[in-house]
Amino acid sequence: MSAADILGYAAGALTAFTFLPQVLKTWKEKSAKDVSLYMFIIAFVNEIMWLIYGVMINNWVIILTNAVMLVMSGIMIMLKLKYNHQ
């Protein structure tokens, strides 16, 4: 495995969990008052496109990174809709 591969996997892993702190904070506090719904909708659509691209070129780093990001942003959208008015 090359240094470029290791860097790519590490960057993918960090990127995949970018939204995790916000997901945990929103879930714990049961409040999404200061969270932008539109940011997560845009991220969700973007991750779908990256996921399709990753499948098309058969790149597992892109596929896995964006699959995790898709789940995270989907969870944030649901939490925002659930806790927005609480």
PDB file of N, CA and C in Angstrom:
ATOM      1  N   MET A   1       0.851  -1.170   0.000  1.00  0.00           N
ATOM      2  CA  MET A   1       0.000   0.000   0.000  1.00  0.00           C
ATOM      3  C   MET A   1       0.902   1.241   0.000  1.00  0.00           C
ATOM      4  N   SER A   2       0.604   2.162  -0.892  1.00  0.00           N
ATOM      5  CA  SER A   2       1.429   3.361  -1.019  1.00  0.00           C
ATOM      6  C   SER A   2       1.024   4.426  -0.003  1.00  0.00           C
ATOM      7  N   ALA A   3       1.877   5.421   0.135  1.00  0.00           N
ATOM      8  CA  ALA A   3       1.572   6.549   1.024  1.00  0.00           C
ATOM      9  C   ALA A   3       0.313   7.272   0.551  1.00  0.00           C
ATOM     10  N   ALA A   4       0.127   7.354  -0.756  1.00  0.00           N
ATOM     11  CA  ALA A   4      -1.071   7.995  -1.307  1.00  0.00           C
ATOM     12  C   ALA A   4      -2.329   7.217  -0.927  1.00  0.00           C
ATOM     13  N   ASP A   5      -2.250   5.885  -0.954  1.00  0.00           N
ATOM     14  CA  ASP A   5      -3.389   5.055  -0.547  1.00  0.00           C
ATOM     15  C   ASP A   5      -3.727   5.279   0.921  1.00  0.00           C
ATOM     16  N   ILE A   6      -2.703   5.273   1.757  1.00  0.00           N
ATOM     17  CA  ILE A   6      -2.915   5.471   3.197  1.00  0.00           C
ATOM     18  C   ILE A   6      -3.535   6.839   3.459  1.00  0.00           C
ATOM     19  N   LEU A   7      -3.012   7.855   2.796  1.00  0.00           N
ATOM     20  CA  LEU A   7      -3.559   9.203   2.946  1.00  0.00           C
ATOM     21  C   LEU A   7      -5.009   9.256   2.475  1.00  0.00           C
ATOM     22  N   GLY A   8      -5.300   8.619   1.365  1.00  0.00           N
ATOM     23  CA  GLY A   8      -6.668   8.585   0.843  1.00  0.00           C
ATOM     24  C   GLY A   8      -7.632   7.898   1.790  1.00  0.00           C
ATOM     25  N   TYR A   9      -7.230   6.770   2.351  1.00  0.00           N
ATOM     26  CA  TYR A   9      -8.088   6.059   3.302  1.00  0.00           C
ATOM     27  C   TYR A   9      -8.299   6.865   4.579  1.00  0.00           C
ATOM     28  N   ALA A  10      -7.227   7.485   5.069  1.00  0.00           N
ATOM     29  CA  ALA A  10      -7.340   8.298   6.288  1.00  0.00           C
ATOM     30  C   ALA A  10      -8.242   9.507   6.054  1.00  0.00           C
ATOM     31  N   ALA A  11      -8.054  10.183   4.938  1.00  0.00           N
ATOM     32  CA  ALA A  11      -8.895  11.339   4.616  1.00  0.00           C
ATOM     33  C   ALA A  11     -10.347  10.918   4.438  1.00  0.00           C
ATOM     34  N   GLY A  12     -10.565   9.787   3.796  1.00  0.00           N
ATOM     35  CA  GLY A  12     -11.923   9.276   3.620  1.00  0.00           C
ATOM     36  C   GLY A  12     -12.586   8.964   4.946  1.00  0.00           C
ATOM     37  N   ALA A  13     -11.835   8.347   5.852  1.00  0.00           N
ATOM     38  CA  ALA A  13     -12.388   8.009   7.169  1.00  0.00           C
ATOM     39  C   ALA A  13     -12.747   9.265   7.948  1.00  0.00           C
ATOM     40  N   LEU A  14     -11.864  10.256   7.944  1.00  0.00           N
ATOM     41  CA  LEU A  14     -12.161  11.506   8.649  1.00  0.00           C
ATOM     42  C   LEU A  14     -13.351  12.229   8.025  1.00  0.00           C
ATOM     43  N   THR A  15     -13.378  12.278   6.703  1.00  0.00           N
ATOM     44  CA  THR A  15     -14.484  12.935   6.010  1.00  0.00           C
ATOM     45  C   THR A  15     -15.803  12.234   6.295  1.00  0.00           C
ATOM     46  N   ALA A  16     -15.775  10.919   6.324  1.00  0.00           N
ATOM     47  CA  ALA A  16     -17.002  10.147   6.528  1.00  0.00           C
ATOM     48  C   ALA A  16     -17.694  10.494   7.836  1.00  0.00           C
ATOM     49  N   PHE A  17     -16.922  10.866   8.829  1.00  0.00           N
ATOM     50  CA  PHE A  17     -17.511  11.134  10.138  1.00  0.00           C
ATOM     51  C   PHE A  17     -17.542  12.625  10.487  1.00  0.00           C
ATOM     52  N   THR A  18     -17.470  13.475   9.473  1.00  0.00           N
ATOM     53  CA  THR A  18     -17.514  14.921   9.668  1.00  0.00           C
ATOM     54  C   THR A  18     -18.762  15.361  10.421  1.00  0.00           C
ATOM     55  N   PHE A  19     -19.899  14.779  10.094  1.00  0.00           N
ATOM     56  CA  PHE A  19     -21.166  15.213  10.689  1.00  0.00           C
ATOM     57  C   PHE A  19     -21.475  14.530  12.015  1.00  0.00           C
ATOM     58  N   LEU A  20     -20.674  13.554  12.424  1.00  0.00           N
ATOM     59  CA  LEU A  20     -20.964  12.805  13.645  1.00  0.00           C
ATOM     60  C   LEU A  20     -21.081  13.691  14.884  1.00  0.00           C
ATOM     61  N   PRO A  21     -20.185  14.648  15.118  1.00  0.00           N
ATOM     62  CA  PRO A  21     -20.353  15.490  16.308  1.00  0.00           C
ATOM     63  C   PRO A  21     -21.683  16.250  16.321  1.00  0.00           C
ATOM     64  N   GLN A  22     -22.116  16.745  15.162  1.00  0.00           N
ATOM     65  CA  GLN A  22     -23.389  17.465  15.098  1.00  0.00           C
ATOM     66  C   GLN A  22     -24.563  16.523  15.317  1.00  0.00           C
ATOM     67  N   VAL A  23     -24.491  15.326  14.757  1.00  0.00           N
ATOM     68  CA  VAL A  23     -25.546  14.330  14.970  1.00  0.00           C
ATOM     69  C   VAL A  23     -25.668  14.014  16.455  1.00  0.00           C
ATOM     70  N   LEU A  24     -24.549  13.744  17.112  1.00  0.00           N
ATOM     71  CA  LEU A  24     -24.577  13.397  18.535  1.00  0.00           C
ATOM     72  C   LEU A  24     -25.066  14.561  19.394  1.00  0.00           C
ATOM     73  N   LYS A  25     -24.625  15.765  19.091  1.00  0.00           N
ATOM     74  CA  LYS A  25     -25.040  16.946  19.855  1.00  0.00           C
ATOM     75  C   LYS A  25     -26.542  17.183  19.704  1.00  0.00           C
ATOM     76  N   THR A  26     -27.039  17.099  18.486  1.00  0.00           N
ATOM     77  CA  THR A  26     -28.462  17.321  18.230  1.00  0.00           C
ATOM     78  C   THR A  26     -29.303  16.255  18.913  1.00  0.00           C
ATOM     79  N   TRP A  27     -28.868  15.006  18.822  1.00  0.00           N
ATOM     80  CA  TRP A  27     -29.602  13.905  19.444  1.00  0.00           C
ATOM     81  C   TRP A  27     -29.602  14.048  20.963  1.00  0.00           C
ATOM     82  N   LYS A  28     -28.448  14.377  21.534  1.00  0.00           N
ATOM     83  CA  LYS A  28     -28.322  14.507  22.986  1.00  0.00           C
ATOM     84  C   LYS A  28     -29.154  15.671  23.521  1.00  0.00           C
ATOM     85  N   GLU A  29     -29.087  16.813  22.846  1.00  0.00           N
ATOM     86  CA  GLU A  29     -29.789  18.010  23.314  1.00  0.00           C
ATOM     87  C   GLU A  29     -31.250  18.067  22.871  1.00  0.00           C
ATOM     88  N   LYS A  30     -31.625  17.180  21.952  1.00  0.00           N
ATOM     89  CA  LYS A  30     -32.990  17.153  21.414  1.00  0.00           C
ATOM     90  C   LYS A  30     -33.391  18.531  20.874  1.00  0.00           C
ATOM     91  N   SER A  31     -32.439  19.184  20.241  1.00  0.00           N
ATOM     92  CA  SER A  31     -32.679  20.505  19.664  1.00  0.00           C
ATOM     93  C   SER A  31     -31.854  20.659  18.393  1.00  0.00           C
ATOM     94  N   ALA A  32     -32.498  21.159  17.345  1.00  0.00           N
ATOM     95  CA  ALA A  32     -31.812  21.436  16.086  1.00  0.00           C
ATOM     96  C   ALA A  32     -32.048  22.882  15.675  1.00  0.00           C
ATOM     97  N   LYS A  33     -32.291  23.706  16.665  1.00  0.00           N
ATOM     98  CA  LYS A  33     -32.653  25.104  16.440  1.00  0.00           C
ATOM     99  C   LYS A  33     -31.626  25.841  15.579  1.00  0.00           C
ATOM    100  N   ASP A  34     -30.359  25.633  15.816  1.00  0.00           N
ATOM    101  CA  ASP A  34     -29.309  26.368  15.116  1.00  0.00           C
ATOM    102  C   ASP A  34     -28.685  25.595  13.957  1.00  0.00           C
ATOM    103  N   VAL A  35     -29.309  24.514  13.546  1.00  0.00           N
ATOM    104  CA  VAL A  35     -28.788  23.684  12.460  1.00  0.00           C
ATOM    105  C   VAL A  35     -29.473  24.084  11.157  1.00  0.00           C
ATOM    106  N   SER A  36     -28.688  24.232  10.100  1.00  0.00           N
ATOM    107  CA  SER A  36     -29.235  24.594   8.796  1.00  0.00           C
ATOM    108  C   SER A  36     -29.742  23.349   8.063  1.00  0.00           C
ATOM    109  N   LEU A  37     -31.039  23.290   7.844  1.00  0.00           N
ATOM    110  CA  LEU A  37     -31.634  22.180   7.094  1.00  0.00           C
ATOM    111  C   LEU A  37     -31.111  22.159   5.661  1.00  0.00           C
ATOM    112  N   TYR A  38     -31.020  23.335   5.055  1.00  0.00           N
ATOM    113  CA  TYR A  38     -30.603  23.405   3.652  1.00  0.00           C
ATOM    114  C   TYR A  38     -29.171  22.910   3.449  1.00  0.00           C
ATOM    115  N   MET A  39     -28.299  23.167   4.405  1.00  0.00           N
ATOM    116  CA  MET A  39     -26.926  22.685   4.295  1.00  0.00           C
ATOM    117  C   MET A  39     -26.897  21.159   4.226  1.00  0.00           C
ATOM    118  N   PHE A  40     -27.714  20.517   5.055  1.00  0.00           N
ATOM    119  CA  PHE A  40     -27.723  19.056   5.067  1.00  0.00           C
ATOM    120  C   PHE A  40     -28.462  18.477   3.865  1.00  0.00           C
ATOM    121  N   ILE A  41     -29.451  19.184   3.342  1.00  0.00           N
ATOM    122  CA  ILE A  41     -30.115  18.735   2.109  1.00  0.00           C
ATOM    123  C   ILE A  41     -29.134  18.800   0.944  1.00  0.00           C
ATOM    124  N   ILE A  42     -28.399  19.906   0.852  1.00  0.00           N
ATOM    125  CA  ILE A  42     -27.392  20.036  -0.209  1.00  0.00           C
ATOM    126  C   ILE A  42     -26.323  18.954  -0.055  1.00  0.00           C
ATOM    127  N   ALA A  43     -25.864  18.724   1.162  1.00  0.00           N
ATOM    128  CA  ALA A  43     -24.864  17.680   1.411  1.00  0.00           C
ATOM    129  C   ALA A  43     -25.413  16.309   1.013  1.00  0.00           C
ATOM    130  N   PHE A  44     -26.680  16.037   1.344  1.00  0.00           N
ATOM    131  CA  PHE A  44     -27.313  14.760   1.030  1.00  0.00           C
ATOM    132  C   PHE A  44     -27.317  14.514  -0.481  1.00  0.00           C
ATOM    133  N   VAL A  45     -27.739  15.521  -1.243  1.00  0.00           N
ATOM    134  CA  VAL A  45     -27.770  15.399  -2.706  1.00  0.00           C
ATOM    135  C   VAL A  45     -26.351  15.237  -3.250  1.00  0.00           C
ATOM    136  N   ASN A  46     -25.420  16.010  -2.716  1.00  0.00           N
ATOM    137  CA  ASN A  46     -24.024  15.925  -3.134  1.00  0.00           C
ATOM    138  C   ASN A  46     -23.457  14.525  -2.885  1.00  0.00           C
ATOM    139  N   GLU A  47     -23.772  13.951  -1.737  1.00  0.00           N
ATOM    140  CA  GLU A  47     -23.258  12.620  -1.408  1.00  0.00           C
ATOM    141  C   GLU A  47     -23.857  11.544  -2.303  1.00  0.00           C
ATOM    142  N   ILE A  48     -25.107  11.711  -2.698  1.00  0.00           N
ATOM    143  CA  ILE A  48     -25.705  10.774  -3.660  1.00  0.00           C
ATOM    144  C   ILE A  48     -24.920  10.814  -4.970  1.00  0.00           C
ATOM    145  N   MET A  49     -24.618  12.025  -5.433  1.00  0.00           N
ATOM    146  CA  MET A  49     -23.870  12.151  -6.690  1.00  0.00           C
ATOM    147  C   MET A  49     -22.467  11.562  -6.574  1.00  0.00           C
ATOM    148  N   TRP A  50     -21.769  11.830  -5.457  1.00  0.00           N
ATOM    149  CA  TRP A  50     -20.440  11.260  -5.253  1.00  0.00           C
ATOM    150  C   TRP A  50     -20.502   9.738  -5.152  1.00  0.00           C
ATOM    151  N   LEU A  51     -21.544   9.231  -4.514  1.00  0.00           N
ATOM    152  CA  LEU A  51     -21.704   7.784  -4.384  1.00  0.00           C
ATOM    153  C   LEU A  51     -21.892   7.139  -5.757  1.00  0.00           C
ATOM    154  N   ILE A  52     -22.734   7.731  -6.577  1.00  0.00           N
ATOM    155  CA  ILE A  52     -22.937   7.223  -7.941  1.00  0.00           C
ATOM    156  C   ILE A  52     -21.626   7.274  -8.723  1.00  0.00           C
ATOM    157  N   TYR A  53     -20.918   8.383  -8.600  1.00  0.00           N
ATOM    158  CA  TYR A  53     -19.624   8.524  -9.273  1.00  0.00           C
ATOM    159  C   TYR A  53     -18.646   7.445  -8.799  1.00  0.00           C
ATOM    160  N   GLY A  54     -18.584   7.229  -7.501  1.00  0.00           N
ATOM    161  CA  GLY A  54     -17.699   6.203  -6.958  1.00  0.00           C
ATOM    162  C   GLY A  54     -18.019   4.819  -7.497  1.00  0.00           C
ATOM    163  N   VAL A  55     -19.306   4.516  -7.622  1.00  0.00           N
ATOM    164  CA  VAL A  55     -19.726   3.228  -8.190  1.00  0.00           C
ATOM    165  C   VAL A  55     -19.319   3.151  -9.662  1.00  0.00           C
ATOM    166  N   MET A  56     -19.534   4.250 -10.385  1.00  0.00           N
ATOM    167  CA  MET A  56     -19.218   4.259 -11.821  1.00  0.00           C
ATOM    168  C   MET A  56     -17.733   4.011 -12.090  1.00  0.00           C
ATOM    169  N   ILE A  57     -16.868   4.538 -11.217  1.00  0.00           N
ATOM    170  CA  ILE A  57     -15.426   4.343 -11.433  1.00  0.00           C
ATOM    171  C   ILE A  57     -14.856   3.232 -10.549  1.00  0.00           C
ATOM    172  N   ASN A  58     -15.743   2.584  -9.771  1.00  0.00           N
ATOM    173  CA  ASN A  58     -15.359   1.472  -8.902  1.00  0.00           C
ATOM    174  C   ASN A  58     -14.263   1.868  -7.906  1.00  0.00           C
ATOM    175  N   ASN A  59     -14.488   2.990  -7.203  1.00  0.00           N
ATOM    176  CA  ASN A  59     -13.530   3.483  -6.213  1.00  0.00           C
ATOM    177  C   ASN A  59     -14.149   3.328  -4.833  1.00  0.00           C
ATOM    178  N   TRP A  60     -13.623   2.353  -4.067  1.00  0.00           N
ATOM    179  CA  TRP A  60     -14.222   2.026  -2.771  1.00  0.00           C
ATOM    180  C   TRP A  60     -14.049   3.112  -1.722  1.00  0.00           C
ATOM    181  N   VAL A  61     -12.994   3.896  -1.813  1.00  0.00           N
ATOM    182  CA  VAL A  61     -12.820   4.998  -0.863  1.00  0.00           C
ATOM    183  C   VAL A  61     -13.947   6.012  -1.050  1.00  0.00           C
ATOM    184  N   ILE A  62     -14.211   6.376  -2.282  1.00  0.00           N
ATOM    185  CA  ILE A  62     -15.299   7.322  -2.568  1.00  0.00           C
ATOM    186  C   ILE A  62     -16.642   6.715  -2.191  1.00  0.00           C
ATOM    187  N   ILE A  63     -16.856   5.458  -2.513  1.00  0.00           N
ATOM    188  CA  ILE A  63     -18.128   4.796  -2.214  1.00  0.00           C
ATOM    189  C   ILE A  63     -18.378   4.754  -0.709  1.00  0.00           C
ATOM    190  N   LEU A  64     -17.424   4.240   0.053  1.00  0.00           N
ATOM    191  CA  LEU A  64     -17.622   4.092   1.498  1.00  0.00           C
ATOM    192  C   LEU A  64     -17.719   5.437   2.208  1.00  0.00           C
ATOM    193  N   THR A  65     -16.842   6.368   1.841  1.00  0.00           N
ATOM    194  CA  THR A  65     -16.876   7.694   2.458  1.00  0.00           C
ATOM    195  C   THR A  65     -18.241   8.334   2.276  1.00  0.00           C
ATOM    196  N   ASN A  66     -18.736   8.321   1.062  1.00  0.00           N
ATOM    197  CA  ASN A  66     -19.990   9.013   0.785  1.00  0.00           C
ATOM    198  C   ASN A  66     -21.214   8.232   1.228  1.00  0.00           C
ATOM    199  N   ALA A  67     -21.100   6.918   1.337  1.00  0.00           N
ATOM    200  CA  ALA A  67     -22.206   6.142   1.909  1.00  0.00           C
ATOM    201  C   ALA A  67     -22.395   6.505   3.380  1.00  0.00           C
ATOM    202  N   VAL A  68     -21.286   6.603   4.115  1.00  0.00           N
ATOM    203  CA  VAL A  68     -21.371   6.990   5.531  1.00  0.00           C
ATOM    204  C   VAL A  68     -21.871   8.425   5.654  1.00  0.00           C
ATOM    205  N   MET A  69     -21.341   9.327   4.827  1.00  0.00           N
ATOM    206  CA  MET A  69     -21.783  10.730   4.859  1.00  0.00           C
ATOM    207  C   MET A  69     -23.268  10.839   4.523  1.00  0.00           C
ATOM    208  N   LEU A  70     -23.734  10.022   3.589  1.00  0.00           N
ATOM    209  CA  LEU A  70     -25.147  10.025   3.209  1.00  0.00           C
ATOM    210  C   LEU A  70     -26.019   9.642   4.398  1.00  0.00           C
ATOM    211  N   VAL A  71     -25.615   8.618   5.123  1.00  0.00           N
ATOM    212  CA  VAL A  71     -26.352   8.203   6.319  1.00  0.00           C
ATOM    213  C   VAL A  71     -26.336   9.318   7.365  1.00  0.00           C
ATOM    214  N   MET A  72     -25.172   9.906   7.600  1.00  0.00           N
ATOM    215  CA  MET A  72     -25.056  10.972   8.607  1.00  0.00           C
ATOM    216  C   MET A  72     -25.919  12.180   8.251  1.00  0.00           C
ATOM    217  N   SER A  73     -25.857  12.616   7.005  1.00  0.00           N
ATOM    218  CA  SER A  73     -26.657  13.781   6.629  1.00  0.00           C
ATOM    219  C   SER A  73     -28.138  13.432   6.624  1.00  0.00           C
ATOM    220  N   GLY A  74     -28.487  12.203   6.264  1.00  0.00           N
ATOM    221  CA  GLY A  74     -29.883  11.770   6.346  1.00  0.00           C
ATOM    222  C   GLY A  74     -30.394  11.782   7.775  1.00  0.00           C
ATOM    223  N   ILE A  75     -29.570  11.312   8.698  1.00  0.00           N
ATOM    224  CA  ILE A  75     -29.940  11.356  10.120  1.00  0.00           C
ATOM    225  C   ILE A  75     -30.122  12.795  10.570  1.00  0.00           C
ATOM    226  N   MET A  76     -29.215  13.680  10.148  1.00  0.00           N
ATOM    227  CA  MET A  76     -29.333  15.089  10.544  1.00  0.00           C
ATOM    228  C   MET A  76     -30.599  15.722   9.987  1.00  0.00           C
ATOM    229  N   ILE A  77     -30.971  15.381   8.776  1.00  0.00           N
ATOM    230  CA  ILE A  77     -32.217  15.910   8.205  1.00  0.00           C
ATOM    231  C   ILE A  77     -33.398  15.444   9.043  1.00  0.00           C
ATOM    232  N   MET A  78     -33.417  14.166   9.403  1.00  0.00           N
ATOM    233  CA  MET A  78     -34.516  13.644  10.232  1.00  0.00           C
ATOM    234  C   MET A  78     -34.536  14.305  11.604  1.00  0.00           C
ATOM    235  N   LEU A  79     -33.362  14.482  12.214  1.00  0.00           N
ATOM    236  CA  LEU A  79     -33.303  15.137  13.525  1.00  0.00           C
ATOM    237  C   LEU A  79     -33.746  16.591  13.434  1.00  0.00           C
ATOM    238  N   LYS A  80     -33.355  17.264  12.376  1.00  0.00           N
ATOM    239  CA  LYS A  80     -33.767  18.658  12.190  1.00  0.00           C
ATOM    240  C   LYS A  80     -35.283  18.744  12.073  1.00  0.00           C
ATOM    241  N   LEU A  81     -35.869  17.856  11.291  1.00  0.00           N
ATOM    242  CA  LEU A  81     -37.326  17.868  11.128  1.00  0.00           C
ATOM    243  C   LEU A  81     -38.035  17.488  12.426  1.00  0.00           C
ATOM    244  N   LYS A  82     -37.446  16.588  13.185  1.00  0.00           N
ATOM    245  CA  LYS A  82     -38.063  16.142  14.436  1.00  0.00           C
ATOM    246  C   LYS A  82     -37.942  17.183  15.547  1.00  0.00           C
ATOM    247  N   TYR A  83     -36.756  17.775  15.690  1.00  0.00           N
ATOM    248  CA  TYR A  83     -36.488  18.654  16.830  1.00  0.00           C
ATOM    249  C   TYR A  83     -36.492  20.141  16.488  1.00  0.00           C
ATOM    250  N   ASN A  84     -36.849  20.497  15.291  1.00  0.00           N
ATOM    251  CA  ASN A  84     -36.762  21.890  14.861  1.00  0.00           C
ATOM    252  C   ASN A  84     -37.571  22.836  15.740  1.00  0.00           C
ATOM    253  N   HIS A  85     -38.735  22.415  16.189  1.00  0.00           N
ATOM    254  CA  HIS A  85     -39.624  23.318  16.926  1.00  0.00           C
ATOM    255  C   HIS A  85     -39.634  23.051  18.420  1.00  0.00           C
ATOM    256  N   GLN A  86     -38.717  22.257  18.892  1.00  0.00           N
ATOM    257  CA  GLN A  86     -38.696  21.949  20.325  1.00  0.00           C
ATOM    258  C   GLN A  86     -37.702  22.819  21.049  1.00  0.00           C
TER     259      GLN A  86
END
